[in-house]
Amino acid sequence: MFHFATAAAAPGGAGGLFQMIWPLALMFVIFYFLLIRPNQKKQKQRQSMLQALKKGDKVITIGGLHGTIVEITDDVVVLRVNDVTKLTFDRSAISNAIAKDTATEEVVSKS
């Protein structure tokens, strides 16, 4: 009698399993396109920005310090903060590179 009950429940169980897995797979796809993929794009943009840094670029560090690159190696950046002060940072400590057009516009607007 129990054998008959389990045999009758088996075909319905496979459909139930598919119905349980389908929403989980859909949620994974949604998470991938909403969370993982945009984060990968941001990381790729940041990496390309860090690789494109060169001497003379104006940058902002993750601590909010503004400076101009005077020396750069594979993993170290030396910034000139003012006429006298030079500070050494890891390349990964650079948060943002200021476009040269923006920097000249700021100087013109302050004058």
PDB file of N, CA and C in Angstrom:
ATOM      1  N   MET A   1       0.822  -1.189   0.000  1.00  0.00           N
ATOM      2  CA  MET A   1       0.000   0.000   0.000  1.00  0.00           C
ATOM      3  C   MET A   1       0.871   1.260   0.000  1.00  0.00           C
ATOM      4  N   PHE A   2       1.932   1.238   0.788  1.00  0.00           N
ATOM      5  CA  PHE A   2       2.809   2.402   0.804  1.00  0.00           C
ATOM      6  C   PHE A   2       3.567   2.547  -0.513  1.00  0.00           C
ATOM      7  N   HIS A   3       3.888   1.427  -1.113  1.00  0.00           N
ATOM      8  CA  HIS A   3       4.577   1.441  -2.394  1.00  0.00           C
ATOM      9  C   HIS A   3       3.713   2.121  -3.461  1.00  0.00           C
ATOM     10  N   PHE A   4       2.447   1.874  -3.449  1.00  0.00           N
ATOM     11  CA  PHE A   4       1.526   2.483  -4.397  1.00  0.00           C
ATOM     12  C   PHE A   4       1.432   3.996  -4.163  1.00  0.00           C
ATOM     13  N   ALA A   5       1.444   4.426  -2.919  1.00  0.00           N
ATOM     14  CA  ALA A   5       1.340   5.850  -2.592  1.00  0.00           C
ATOM     15  C   ALA A   5       2.586   6.604  -3.052  1.00  0.00           C
ATOM     16  N   THR A   6       3.770   6.023  -2.885  1.00  0.00           N
ATOM     17  CA  THR A   6       4.989   6.706  -3.320  1.00  0.00           C
ATOM     18  C   THR A   6       5.108   6.715  -4.832  1.00  0.00           C
ATOM     19  N   ALA A   7       4.635   5.663  -5.500  1.00  0.00           N
ATOM     20  CA  ALA A   7       4.681   5.620  -6.958  1.00  0.00           C
ATOM     21  C   ALA A   7       3.745   6.651  -7.562  1.00  0.00           C
ATOM     22  N   ALA A   8       2.643   6.892  -6.917  1.00  0.00           N
ATOM     23  CA  ALA A   8       1.698   7.882  -7.423  1.00  0.00           C
ATOM     24  C   ALA A   8       2.226   9.301  -7.198  1.00  0.00           C
ATOM     25  N   ALA A   9       3.016   9.510  -6.149  1.00  0.00           N
ATOM     26  CA  ALA A   9       3.525  10.847  -5.840  1.00  0.00           C
ATOM     27  C   ALA A   9       4.771  11.192  -6.655  1.00  0.00           C
ATOM     28  N   ALA A  10       5.461  10.232  -7.199  1.00  0.00           N
ATOM     29  CA  ALA A  10       6.714  10.474  -7.910  1.00  0.00           C
ATOM     30  C   ALA A  10       6.569  11.374  -9.127  1.00  0.00           C
ATOM     31  N   PRO A  11       5.611  11.156 -10.033  1.00  0.00           N
ATOM     32  CA  PRO A  11       5.527  12.063 -11.180  1.00  0.00           C
ATOM     33  C   PRO A  11       5.226  13.502 -10.783  1.00  0.00           C
ATOM     34  N   GLY A  12       4.421  13.707  -9.787  1.00  0.00           N
ATOM     35  CA  GLY A  12       4.122  15.069  -9.335  1.00  0.00           C
ATOM     36  C   GLY A  12       5.312  15.698  -8.648  1.00  0.00           C
ATOM     37  N   GLY A  13       6.169  14.909  -8.026  1.00  0.00           N
ATOM     38  CA  GLY A  13       7.340  15.419  -7.326  1.00  0.00           C
ATOM     39  C   GLY A  13       8.358  16.019  -8.272  1.00  0.00           C
ATOM     40  N   ALA A  14       8.516  15.455  -9.442  1.00  0.00           N
ATOM     41  CA  ALA A  14       9.470  15.993 -10.410  1.00  0.00           C
ATOM     42  C   ALA A  14       9.025  17.362 -10.897  1.00  0.00           C
ATOM     43  N   GLY A  15       7.742  17.522 -11.120  1.00  0.00           N
ATOM     44  CA  GLY A  15       7.224  18.828 -11.526  1.00  0.00           C
ATOM     45  C   GLY A  15       7.370  19.843 -10.414  1.00  0.00           C
ATOM     46  N   GLY A  16       7.191  19.406  -9.183  1.00  0.00           N
ATOM     47  CA  GLY A  16       7.356  20.292  -8.035  1.00  0.00           C
ATOM     48  C   GLY A  16       8.792  20.749  -7.877  1.00  0.00           C
ATOM     49  N   LEU A  17       9.732  19.858  -8.156  1.00  0.00           N
ATOM     50  CA  LEU A  17      11.140  20.214  -8.073  1.00  0.00           C
ATOM     51  C   LEU A  17      11.487  21.270  -9.121  1.00  0.00           C
ATOM     52  N   PHE A  18      10.996  21.104 -10.322  1.00  0.00           N
ATOM     53  CA  PHE A  18      11.232  22.090 -11.381  1.00  0.00           C
ATOM     54  C   PHE A  18      10.607  23.427 -11.008  1.00  0.00           C
ATOM     55  N   GLN A  19       9.435  23.378 -10.414  1.00  0.00           N
ATOM     56  CA  GLN A  19       8.768  24.619 -10.015  1.00  0.00           C
ATOM     57  C   GLN A  19       9.515  25.316  -8.891  1.00  0.00           C
ATOM     58  N   MET A  20      10.258  24.574  -8.081  1.00  0.00           N
ATOM     59  CA  MET A  20      11.050  25.195  -7.018  1.00  0.00           C
ATOM     60  C   MET A  20      12.363  25.765  -7.565  1.00  0.00           C
ATOM     61  N   ILE A  21      12.961  25.083  -8.526  1.00  0.00           N
ATOM     62  CA  ILE A  21      14.248  25.525  -9.065  1.00  0.00           C
ATOM     63  C   ILE A  21      14.087  26.721  -9.998  1.00  0.00           C
ATOM     64  N   TRP A  22      13.014  26.787 -10.745  1.00  0.00           N
ATOM     65  CA  TRP A  22      12.792  27.865 -11.711  1.00  0.00           C
ATOM     66  C   TRP A  22      12.874  29.258 -11.071  1.00  0.00           C
ATOM     67  N   PRO A  23      12.158  29.532  -9.969  1.00  0.00           N
ATOM     68  CA  PRO A  23      12.275  30.876  -9.365  1.00  0.00           C
ATOM     69  C   PRO A  23      13.686  31.174  -8.844  1.00  0.00           C
ATOM     70  N   LEU A  24      14.372  30.157  -8.316  1.00  0.00           N
ATOM     71  CA  LEU A  24      15.738  30.377  -7.833  1.00  0.00           C
ATOM     72  C   LEU A  24      16.675  30.734  -8.983  1.00  0.00           C
ATOM     73  N   ALA A  25      16.528  30.042 -10.101  1.00  0.00           N
ATOM     74  CA  ALA A  25      17.351  30.354 -11.271  1.00  0.00           C
ATOM     75  C   ALA A  25      17.039  31.756 -11.788  1.00  0.00           C
ATOM     76  N   LEU A  26      15.774  32.116 -11.796  1.00  0.00           N
ATOM     77  CA  LEU A  26      15.370  33.452 -12.234  1.00  0.00           C
ATOM     78  C   LEU A  26      15.952  34.524 -11.310  1.00  0.00           C
ATOM     79  N   MET A  27      15.932  34.276 -10.001  1.00  0.00           N
ATOM     80  CA  MET A  27      16.509  35.238  -9.057  1.00  0.00           C
ATOM     81  C   MET A  27      18.016  35.377  -9.275  1.00  0.00           C
ATOM     82  N   PHE A  28      18.704  34.273  -9.557  1.00  0.00           N
ATOM     83  CA  PHE A  28      20.142  34.338  -9.817  1.00  0.00           C
ATOM     84  C   PHE A  28      20.432  35.181 -11.052  1.00  0.00           C
ATOM     85  N   VAL A  29      19.650  35.003 -12.098  1.00  0.00           N
ATOM     86  CA  VAL A  29      19.845  35.777 -13.330  1.00  0.00           C
ATOM     87  C   VAL A  29      19.605  37.259 -13.062  1.00  0.00           C
ATOM     88  N   ILE A  30      18.571  37.578 -12.300  1.00  0.00           N
ATOM     89  CA  ILE A  30      18.274  38.976 -11.967  1.00  0.00           C
ATOM     90  C   ILE A  30      19.414  39.576 -11.146  1.00  0.00           C
ATOM     91  N   PHE A  31      19.887  38.844 -10.134  1.00  0.00           N
ATOM     92  CA  PHE A  31      21.014  39.335  -9.335  1.00  0.00           C
ATOM     93  C   PHE A  31      22.248  39.548 -10.198  1.00  0.00           C
ATOM     94  N   TYR A  32      22.495  38.665 -11.138  1.00  0.00           N
ATOM     95  CA  TYR A  32      23.667  38.800 -11.997  1.00  0.00           C
ATOM     96  C   TYR A  32      23.596  40.098 -12.794  1.00  0.00           C
ATOM     97  N   PHE A  33      22.452  40.365 -13.414  1.00  0.00           N
ATOM     98  CA  PHE A  33      22.351  41.548 -14.269  1.00  0.00           C
ATOM     99  C   PHE A  33      22.194  42.840 -13.482  1.00  0.00           C
ATOM    100  N   LEU A  34      21.673  42.782 -12.258  1.00  0.00           N
ATOM    101  CA  LEU A  34      21.489  44.005 -11.479  1.00  0.00           C
ATOM    102  C   LEU A  34      22.658  44.317 -10.550  1.00  0.00           C
ATOM    103  N   LEU A  35      23.368  43.292 -10.085  1.00  0.00           N
ATOM    104  CA  LEU A  35      24.416  43.534  -9.100  1.00  0.00           C
ATOM    105  C   LEU A  35      25.819  43.168  -9.580  1.00  0.00           C
ATOM    106  N   ILE A  36      25.989  41.988 -10.091  1.00  0.00           N
ATOM    107  CA  ILE A  36      27.331  41.504 -10.407  1.00  0.00           C
ATOM    108  C   ILE A  36      27.895  42.171 -11.653  1.00  0.00           C
ATOM    109  N   ARG A  37      27.138  42.204 -12.713  1.00  0.00           N
ATOM    110  CA  ARG A  37      27.637  42.740 -13.986  1.00  0.00           C
ATOM    111  C   ARG A  37      27.988  44.235 -13.907  1.00  0.00           C
ATOM    112  N   PRO A  38      27.127  45.094 -13.322  1.00  0.00           N
ATOM    113  CA  PRO A  38      27.521  46.508 -13.212  1.00  0.00           C
ATOM    114  C   PRO A  38      28.779  46.704 -12.359  1.00  0.00           C
ATOM    115  N   ASN A  39      28.929  45.892 -11.316  1.00  0.00           N
ATOM    116  CA  ASN A  39      30.118  45.999 -10.480  1.00  0.00           C
ATOM    117  C   ASN A  39      31.371  45.612 -11.259  1.00  0.00           C
ATOM    118  N   GLN A  40      31.272  44.600 -12.106  1.00  0.00           N
ATOM    119  CA  GLN A  40      32.409  44.212 -12.941  1.00  0.00           C
ATOM    120  C   GLN A  40      32.774  45.329 -13.917  1.00  0.00           C
ATOM    121  N   LYS A  41      31.762  46.016 -14.462  1.00  0.00           N
ATOM    122  CA  LYS A  41      32.034  47.136 -15.374  1.00  0.00           C
ATOM    123  C   LYS A  41      32.756  48.267 -14.647  1.00  0.00           C
ATOM    124  N   LYS A  42      32.313  48.586 -13.423  1.00  0.00           N
ATOM    125  CA  LYS A  42      32.958  49.643 -12.648  1.00  0.00           C
ATOM    126  C   LYS A  42      34.404  49.278 -12.334  1.00  0.00           C
ATOM    127  N   GLN A  43      34.639  48.022 -11.968  1.00  0.00           N
ATOM    128  CA  GLN A  43      36.005  47.590 -11.678  1.00  0.00           C
ATOM    129  C   GLN A  43      36.887  47.690 -12.913  1.00  0.00           C
ATOM    130  N   LYS A  44      36.343  47.338 -14.063  1.00  0.00           N
ATOM    131  CA  LYS A  44      37.110  47.400 -15.303  1.00  0.00           C
ATOM    132  C   LYS A  44      37.436  48.857 -15.656  1.00  0.00           C
ATOM    133  N   GLN A  45      36.464  49.779 -15.464  1.00  0.00           N
ATOM    134  CA  GLN A  45      36.704  51.194 -15.736  1.00  0.00           C
ATOM    135  C   GLN A  45      37.758  51.760 -14.787  1.00  0.00           C
ATOM    136  N   ARG A  46      37.678  51.393 -13.515  1.00  0.00           N
ATOM    137  CA  ARG A  46      38.647  51.871 -12.527  1.00  0.00           C
ATOM    138  C   ARG A  46      40.045  51.363 -12.868  1.00  0.00           C
ATOM    139  N   GLN A  47      40.138  50.091 -13.248  1.00  0.00           N
ATOM    140  CA  GLN A  47      41.436  49.515 -13.595  1.00  0.00           C
ATOM    141  C   GLN A  47      42.042  50.224 -14.810  1.00  0.00           C
ATOM    142  N   SER A  48      41.208  50.510 -15.805  1.00  0.00           N
ATOM    143  CA  SER A  48      41.726  51.207 -16.989  1.00  0.00           C
ATOM    144  C   SER A  48      42.130  52.641 -16.646  1.00  0.00           C
ATOM    145  N   MET A  49      41.393  53.302 -15.731  1.00  0.00           N
ATOM    146  CA  MET A  49      41.758  54.646 -15.297  1.00  0.00           C
ATOM    147  C   MET A  49      43.102  54.617 -14.577  1.00  0.00           C
ATOM    148  N   LEU A  50      43.313  53.632 -13.704  1.00  0.00           N
ATOM    149  CA  LEU A  50      44.581  53.534 -12.980  1.00  0.00           C
ATOM    150  C   LEU A  50      45.743  53.230 -13.924  1.00  0.00           C
ATOM    151  N   GLN A  51      45.506  52.429 -14.942  1.00  0.00           N
ATOM    152  CA  GLN A  51      46.563  52.105 -15.901  1.00  0.00           C
ATOM    153  C   GLN A  51      46.896  53.299 -16.798  1.00  0.00           C
ATOM    154  N   ALA A  52      45.929  54.189 -17.016  1.00  0.00           N
ATOM    155  CA  ALA A  52      46.134  55.330 -17.911  1.00  0.00           C
ATOM    156  C   ALA A  52      46.784  56.527 -17.214  1.00  0.00           C
ATOM    157  N   LEU A  53      47.006  56.453 -15.908  1.00  0.00           N
ATOM    158  CA  LEU A  53      47.620  57.574 -15.198  1.00  0.00           C
ATOM    159  C   LEU A  53      49.032  57.815 -15.716  1.00  0.00           C
ATOM    160  N   LYS A  54      49.387  59.109 -15.784  1.00  0.00           N
ATOM    161  CA  LYS A  54      50.733  59.463 -16.235  1.00  0.00           C
ATOM    162  C   LYS A  54      51.195  60.710 -15.484  1.00  0.00           C
ATOM    163  N   LYS A  55      52.447  61.014 -15.632  1.00  0.00           N
ATOM    164  CA  LYS A  55      53.050  62.161 -14.969  1.00  0.00           C
ATOM    165  C   LYS A  55      52.346  63.443 -15.415  1.00  0.00           C
ATOM    166  N   GLY A  56      52.001  64.300 -14.447  1.00  0.00           N
ATOM    167  CA  GLY A  56      51.338  65.559 -14.754  1.00  0.00           C
ATOM    168  C   GLY A  56      49.825  65.516 -14.597  1.00  0.00           C
ATOM    169  N   ASP A  57      49.240  64.328 -14.438  1.00  0.00           N
ATOM    170  CA  ASP A  57      47.784  64.230 -14.251  1.00  0.00           C
ATOM    171  C   ASP A  57      47.395  64.725 -12.869  1.00  0.00           C
ATOM    172  N   LYS A  58      46.268  65.395 -12.802  1.00  0.00           N
ATOM    173  CA  LYS A  58      45.722  65.825 -11.522  1.00  0.00           C
ATOM    174  C   LYS A  58      44.765  64.741 -11.049  1.00  0.00           C
ATOM    175  N   VAL A  59      44.915  64.340  -9.771  1.00  0.00           N
ATOM    176  CA  VAL A  59      44.135  63.230  -9.234  1.00  0.00           C
ATOM    177  C   VAL A  59      43.592  63.576  -7.857  1.00  0.00           C
ATOM    178  N   ILE A  60      42.638  62.761  -7.419  1.00  0.00           N
ATOM    179  CA  ILE A  60      42.083  62.834  -6.073  1.00  0.00           C
ATOM    180  C   ILE A  60      42.283  61.464  -5.440  1.00  0.00           C
ATOM    181  N   THR A  61      42.796  61.427  -4.213  1.00  0.00           N
ATOM    182  CA  THR A  61      43.003  60.155  -3.528  1.00  0.00           C
ATOM    183  C   THR A  61      41.714  59.723  -2.836  1.00  0.00           C
ATOM    184  N   ILE A  62      41.714  58.493  -2.316  1.00  0.00           N
ATOM    185  CA  ILE A  62      40.526  58.001  -1.617  1.00  0.00           C
ATOM    186  C   ILE A  62      40.301  58.758  -0.311  1.00  0.00           C
ATOM    187  N   GLY A  63      41.324  59.462   0.171  1.00  0.00           N
ATOM    188  CA  GLY A  63      41.188  60.287   1.364  1.00  0.00           C
ATOM    189  C   GLY A  63      40.740  61.703   1.055  1.00  0.00           C
ATOM    190  N   GLY A  64      40.576  62.036  -0.229  1.00  0.00           N
ATOM    191  CA  GLY A  64      40.109  63.358  -0.620  1.00  0.00           C
ATOM    192  C   GLY A  64      41.220  64.354  -0.891  1.00  0.00           C
ATOM    193  N   LEU A  65      42.455  63.909  -0.923  1.00  0.00           N
ATOM    194  CA  LEU A  65      43.592  64.788  -1.160  1.00  0.00           C
ATOM    195  C   LEU A  65      43.761  65.027  -2.654  1.00  0.00           C
ATOM    196  N   HIS A  66      43.879  66.288  -3.052  1.00  0.00           N
ATOM    197  CA  HIS A  66      44.069  66.655  -4.456  1.00  0.00           C
ATOM    198  C   HIS A  66      45.556  66.886  -4.698  1.00  0.00           C
ATOM    199  N   GLY A  67      46.042  66.401  -5.832  1.00  0.00           N
ATOM    200  CA  GLY A  67      47.446  66.602  -6.140  1.00  0.00           C
ATOM    201  C   GLY A  67      47.750  66.318  -7.596  1.00  0.00           C
ATOM    202  N   THR A  68      49.005  66.565  -7.968  1.00  0.00           N
ATOM    203  CA  THR A  68      49.484  66.333  -9.326  1.00  0.00           C
ATOM    204  C   THR A  68      50.553  65.250  -9.275  1.00  0.00           C
ATOM    205  N   ILE A  69      50.487  64.306 -10.194  1.00  0.00           N
ATOM    206  CA  ILE A  69      51.455  63.210 -10.224  1.00  0.00           C
ATOM    207  C   ILE A  69      52.798  63.743 -10.722  1.00  0.00           C
ATOM    208  N   VAL A  70      53.853  63.532  -9.913  1.00  0.00           N
ATOM    209  CA  VAL A  70      55.202  63.926 -10.324  1.00  0.00           C
ATOM    210  C   VAL A  70      56.068  62.716 -10.637  1.00  0.00           C
ATOM    211  N   GLU A  71      55.693  61.565 -10.104  1.00  0.00           N
ATOM    212  CA  GLU A  71      56.441  60.335 -10.366  1.00  0.00           C
ATOM    213  C   GLU A  71      55.476  59.171 -10.232  1.00  0.00           C
ATOM    214  N   ILE A  72      55.605  58.185 -11.119  1.00  0.00           N
ATOM    215  CA  ILE A  72      54.695  57.043 -11.085  1.00  0.00           C
ATOM    216  C   ILE A  72      55.455  55.779 -11.479  1.00  0.00           C
ATOM    217  N   THR A  73      55.225  54.707 -10.719  1.00  0.00           N
ATOM    218  CA  THR A  73      55.776  53.392 -11.049  1.00  0.00           C
ATOM    219  C   THR A  73      54.609  52.415 -11.154  1.00  0.00           C
ATOM    220  N   ASP A  74      54.926  51.126 -11.176  1.00  0.00           N
ATOM    221  CA  ASP A  74      53.862  50.129 -11.324  1.00  0.00           C
ATOM    222  C   ASP A  74      52.849  50.169 -10.188  1.00  0.00           C
ATOM    223  N   ASP A  75      53.313  50.401  -8.952  1.00  0.00           N
ATOM    224  CA  ASP A  75      52.375  50.374  -7.833  1.00  0.00           C
ATOM    225  C   ASP A  75      52.487  51.567  -6.887  1.00  0.00           C
ATOM    226  N   VAL A  76      53.346  52.531  -7.193  1.00  0.00           N
ATOM    227  CA  VAL A  76      53.531  53.699  -6.326  1.00  0.00           C
ATOM    228  C   VAL A  76      53.370  54.976  -7.141  1.00  0.00           C
ATOM    229  N   VAL A  77      52.687  55.959  -6.512  1.00  0.00           N
ATOM    230  CA  VAL A  77      52.476  57.263  -7.136  1.00  0.00           C
ATOM    231  C   VAL A  77      52.966  58.334  -6.164  1.00  0.00           C
ATOM    232  N   VAL A  78      53.747  59.283  -6.666  1.00  0.00           N
ATOM    233  CA  VAL A  78      54.189  60.418  -5.855  1.00  0.00           C
ATOM    234  C   VAL A  78      53.409  61.634  -6.331  1.00  0.00           C
ATOM    235  N   LEU A  79      52.695  62.269  -5.384  1.00  0.00           N
ATOM    236  CA  LEU A  79      51.865  63.435  -5.704  1.00  0.00           C
ATOM    237  C   LEU A  79      52.497  64.696  -5.144  1.00  0.00           C
ATOM    238  N   ARG A  80      52.391  65.775  -5.905  1.00  0.00           N
ATOM    239  CA  ARG A  80      52.773  67.099  -5.417  1.00  0.00           C
ATOM    240  C   ARG A  80      51.477  67.775  -4.983  1.00  0.00           C
ATOM    241  N   VAL A  81      51.405  68.077  -3.692  1.00  0.00           N
ATOM    242  CA  VAL A  81      50.202  68.692  -3.141  1.00  0.00           C
ATOM    243  C   VAL A  81      50.288  70.208  -3.248  1.00  0.00           C
ATOM    244  N   ASN A  82      51.452  70.765  -2.953  1.00  0.00           N
ATOM    245  CA  ASN A  82      51.700  72.193  -3.154  1.00  0.00           C
ATOM    246  C   ASN A  82      53.133  72.339  -3.651  1.00  0.00           C
ATOM    247  N   ASP A  83      53.692  73.522  -3.613  1.00  0.00           N
ATOM    248  CA  ASP A  83      55.034  73.738  -4.165  1.00  0.00           C
ATOM    249  C   ASP A  83      56.113  72.951  -3.425  1.00  0.00           C
ATOM    250  N   VAL A  84      55.898  72.652  -2.151  1.00  0.00           N
ATOM    251  CA  VAL A  84      56.926  72.027  -1.330  1.00  0.00           C
ATOM    252  C   VAL A  84      56.636  70.548  -1.047  1.00  0.00           C
ATOM    253  N   THR A  85      55.393  70.215  -0.826  1.00  0.00           N
ATOM    254  CA  THR A  85      55.028  68.898  -0.309  1.00  0.00           C
ATOM    255  C   THR A  85      54.828  67.862  -1.403  1.00  0.00           C
ATOM    256  N   LYS A  86      55.522  66.729  -1.235  1.00  0.00           N
ATOM    257  CA  LYS A  86      55.324  65.568  -2.101  1.00  0.00           C
ATOM    258  C   LYS A  86      54.940  64.396  -1.206  1.00  0.00           C
ATOM    259  N   LEU A  87      53.894  63.676  -1.588  1.00  0.00           N
ATOM    260  CA  LEU A  87      53.413  62.538  -0.811  1.00  0.00           C
ATOM    261  C   LEU A  87      53.413  61.286  -1.678  1.00  0.00           C
ATOM    262  N   THR A  88      53.729  60.154  -1.064  1.00  0.00           N
ATOM    263  CA  THR A  88      53.783  58.882  -1.777  1.00  0.00           C
ATOM    264  C   THR A  88      52.554  58.048  -1.421  1.00  0.00           C
ATOM    265  N   PHE A  89      51.903  57.503  -2.444  1.00  0.00           N
ATOM    266  CA  PHE A  89      50.708  56.682  -2.270  1.00  0.00           C
ATOM    267  C   PHE A  89      50.826  55.415  -3.099  1.00  0.00           C
ATOM    268  N   ASP A  90      50.065  54.411  -2.721  1.00  0.00           N
ATOM    269  CA  ASP A  90      49.873  53.258  -3.601  1.00  0.00           C
ATOM    270  C   ASP A  90      49.019  53.703  -4.769  1.00  0.00           C
ATOM    271  N   ARG A  91      49.217  53.093  -5.898  1.00  0.00           N
ATOM    272  CA  ARG A  91      48.423  53.437  -7.084  1.00  0.00           C
ATOM    273  C   ARG A  91      46.935  53.185  -6.816  1.00  0.00           C
ATOM    274  N   SER A  92      46.630  52.168  -6.027  1.00  0.00           N
ATOM    275  CA  SER A  92      45.230  51.843  -5.734  1.00  0.00           C
ATOM    276  C   SER A  92      44.563  52.889  -4.842  1.00  0.00           C
ATOM    277  N   ALA A  93      45.335  53.792  -4.242  1.00  0.00           N
ATOM    278  CA  ALA A  93      44.767  54.845  -3.402  1.00  0.00           C
ATOM    279  C   ALA A  93      44.233  56.011  -4.218  1.00  0.00           C
ATOM    280  N   ILE A  94      44.417  55.993  -5.525  1.00  0.00           N
ATOM    281  CA  ILE A  94      43.885  57.049  -6.387  1.00  0.00           C
ATOM    282  C   ILE A  94      42.413  56.756  -6.634  1.00  0.00           C
ATOM    283  N   SER A  95      41.580  57.714  -6.284  1.00  0.00           N
ATOM    284  CA  SER A  95      40.140  57.537  -6.436  1.00  0.00           C
ATOM    285  C   SER A  95      39.644  58.016  -7.785  1.00  0.00           C
ATOM    286  N   ASN A  96      40.173  59.151  -8.236  1.00  0.00           N
ATOM    287  CA  ASN A  96      39.631  59.781  -9.430  1.00  0.00           C
ATOM    288  C   ASN A  96      40.725  60.589 -10.118  1.00  0.00           C
ATOM    289  N   ALA A  97      40.702  60.574 -11.421  1.00  0.00           N
ATOM    290  CA  ALA A  97      41.605  61.426 -12.197  1.00  0.00           C
ATOM    291  C   ALA A  97      40.783  62.587 -12.732  1.00  0.00           C
ATOM    292  N   ILE A  98      41.287  63.798 -12.537  1.00  0.00           N
ATOM    293  CA  ILE A  98      40.569  64.985 -12.989  1.00  0.00           C
ATOM    294  C   ILE A  98      40.972  65.260 -14.428  1.00  0.00           C
ATOM    295  N   ALA A  99      39.987  65.435 -15.282  1.00  0.00           N
ATOM    296  CA  ALA A  99      40.265  65.728 -16.693  1.00  0.00           C
ATOM    297  C   ALA A  99      40.958  67.077 -16.793  1.00  0.00           C
ATOM    298  N   LYS A 100      41.873  67.207 -17.723  1.00  0.00           N
ATOM    299  CA  LYS A 100      42.618  68.462 -17.873  1.00  0.00           C
ATOM    300  C   LYS A 100      41.702  69.616 -18.250  1.00  0.00           C
ATOM    301  N   ASP A 101      40.631  69.346 -19.006  1.00  0.00           N
ATOM    302  CA  ASP A 101      39.677  70.397 -19.358  1.00  0.00           C
ATOM    303  C   ASP A 101      38.997  70.925 -18.105  1.00  0.00           C
ATOM    304  N   THR A 102      38.625  70.034 -17.190  1.00  0.00           N
ATOM    305  CA  THR A 102      37.969  70.431 -15.952  1.00  0.00           C
ATOM    306  C   THR A 102      38.922  71.235 -15.083  1.00  0.00           C
ATOM    307  N   ALA A 103      40.167  70.832 -15.008  1.00  0.00           N
ATOM    308  CA  ALA A 103      41.146  71.529 -14.175  1.00  0.00           C
ATOM    309  C   ALA A 103      41.378  72.946 -14.680  1.00  0.00           C
ATOM    310  N   THR A 104      41.465  73.144 -15.978  1.00  0.00           N
ATOM    311  CA  THR A 104      41.677  74.491 -16.503  1.00  0.00           C
ATOM    312  C   THR A 104      40.430  75.338 -16.320  1.00  0.00           C
ATOM    313  N   GLU A 105      39.248  74.739 -16.425  1.00  0.00           N
ATOM    314  CA  GLU A 105      38.015  75.496 -16.205  1.00  0.00           C
ATOM    315  C   GLU A 105      37.924  75.971 -14.765  1.00  0.00           C
ATOM    316  N   GLU A 106      38.372  75.135 -13.796  1.00  0.00           N
ATOM    317  CA  GLU A 106      38.343  75.534 -12.397  1.00  0.00           C
ATOM    318  C   GLU A 106      39.275  76.719 -12.157  1.00  0.00           C
ATOM    319  N   VAL A 107      40.447  76.712 -12.761  1.00  0.00           N
ATOM    320  CA  VAL A 107      41.401  77.808 -12.595  1.00  0.00           C
ATOM    321  C   VAL A 107      40.836  79.082 -13.201  1.00  0.00           C
ATOM    322  N   VAL A 108      40.224  78.993 -14.369  1.00  0.00           N
ATOM    323  CA  VAL A 108      39.646  80.161 -15.027  1.00  0.00           C
ATOM    324  C   VAL A 108      38.484  80.714 -14.209  1.00  0.00           C
ATOM    325  N   SER A 109      37.639  79.843 -13.655  1.00  0.00           N
ATOM    326  CA  SER A 109      36.478  80.313 -12.902  1.00  0.00           C
ATOM    327  C   SER A 109      36.893  80.951 -11.582  1.00  0.00           C
ATOM    328  N   LYS A 110      38.024  80.549 -11.002  1.00  0.00           N
ATOM    329  CA  LYS A 110      38.497  81.146  -9.756  1.00  0.00           C
ATOM    330  C   LYS A 110      39.100  82.525  -9.998  1.00  0.00           C
ATOM    331  N   SER A 111      39.583  82.800 -11.184  1.00  0.00           N
ATOM    332  CA  SER A 111      40.236  84.084 -11.483  1.00  0.00           C
ATOM    333  C   SER A 111      39.250  85.209 -11.591  1.00  0.00           C
TER     334      SER A 111
END
